[in-house]
Amino acid sequence: MKEGPVSTEVTLETEAGEKIVSSITTTSAKNLGLKEGKTAYAVIKASSVMVAVD
């Protein structure tokens, strides 16, 4: 986790070793009690994902 004053970057690792990275509010991270090594899960809801390079 990379905690900032407003947002926190959270990285979850699946059993297969894939990493899911999300940015949530620091308040939400604290309310969830997120800590390194604690079990958590992701709920993914997206209508589109855009990736681009130059």
Protein backbone atom coordinates (compact mmCIF):
# COMPACT_ATOMS: atom_id res chain seq x y z
CA MET A 1 0.00 0.00 0.00
CA LYS A 2 1.12 3.53 -0.76
CA GLU A 3 -0.83 5.81 1.55
CA GLY A 4 -1.25 9.48 0.74
CA PRO A 5 -3.16 12.25 2.49
CA VAL A 6 -6.21 11.82 0.22
CA SER A 7 -5.81 8.57 -1.72
CA THR A 8 -4.16 5.21 -1.12
CA GLU A 9 -2.89 2.84 -3.80
CA VAL A 10 -3.77 -0.74 -2.88
CA THR A 11 -2.24 -3.78 -4.57
CA LEU A 12 -3.96 -7.14 -4.20
CA GLU A 13 -2.24 -10.34 -5.30
CA THR A 14 -4.30 -13.33 -6.44
CA GLU A 15 -3.46 -16.93 -5.62
CA ALA A 16 -2.14 -17.25 -9.19
CA GLY A 17 0.24 -14.31 -8.61
CA GLU A 18 -1.57 -11.66 -10.68
CA LYS A 19 -1.65 -8.20 -9.16
CA ILE A 20 -4.70 -5.93 -9.08
CA VAL A 21 -3.98 -2.29 -8.30
CA SER A 22 -6.63 0.19 -7.21
CA SER A 23 -6.69 3.74 -5.90
CA ILE A 24 -9.17 4.34 -3.09
CA THR A 25 -9.61 7.13 -0.59
CA THR A 26 -7.34 6.97 2.43
CA THR A 27 -10.44 7.21 4.62
CA SER A 28 -11.88 4.09 2.96
CA ALA A 29 -8.59 2.20 3.40
CA LYS A 30 -8.59 3.07 7.09
CA ASN A 31 -12.29 2.16 7.50
CA LEU A 32 -11.59 -1.23 5.91
CA GLY A 33 -8.62 -1.75 8.23
CA LEU A 34 -6.35 -2.55 5.28
CA LYS A 35 -2.81 -3.56 6.21
CA GLU A 36 0.03 -5.35 4.43
CA GLY A 37 -0.63 -9.10 4.43
CA LYS A 38 -4.29 -8.82 5.42
CA THR A 39 -6.71 -10.82 3.29
CA ALA A 40 -8.97 -8.66 1.13
CA TYR A 41 -10.88 -9.09 -2.11
CA ALA A 42 -11.68 -6.98 -5.14
CA VAL A 43 -15.06 -6.34 -6.69
CA ILE A 44 -14.47 -5.33 -10.30
CA LYS A 45 -17.15 -3.31 -12.06
CA ALA A 46 -16.08 -1.55 -15.22
CA SER A 47 -17.86 -0.65 -18.41
CA SER A 48 -14.54 -0.08 -20.17
CA VAL A 49 -10.83 -0.30 -19.60
CA MET A 50 -8.49 1.87 -21.66
CA VAL A 51 -4.77 1.29 -22.01
CA ALA A 52 -2.66 3.38 -24.38
CA VAL A 53 0.94 4.04 -25.31
CA ASP A 54 2.64 6.53 -27.60
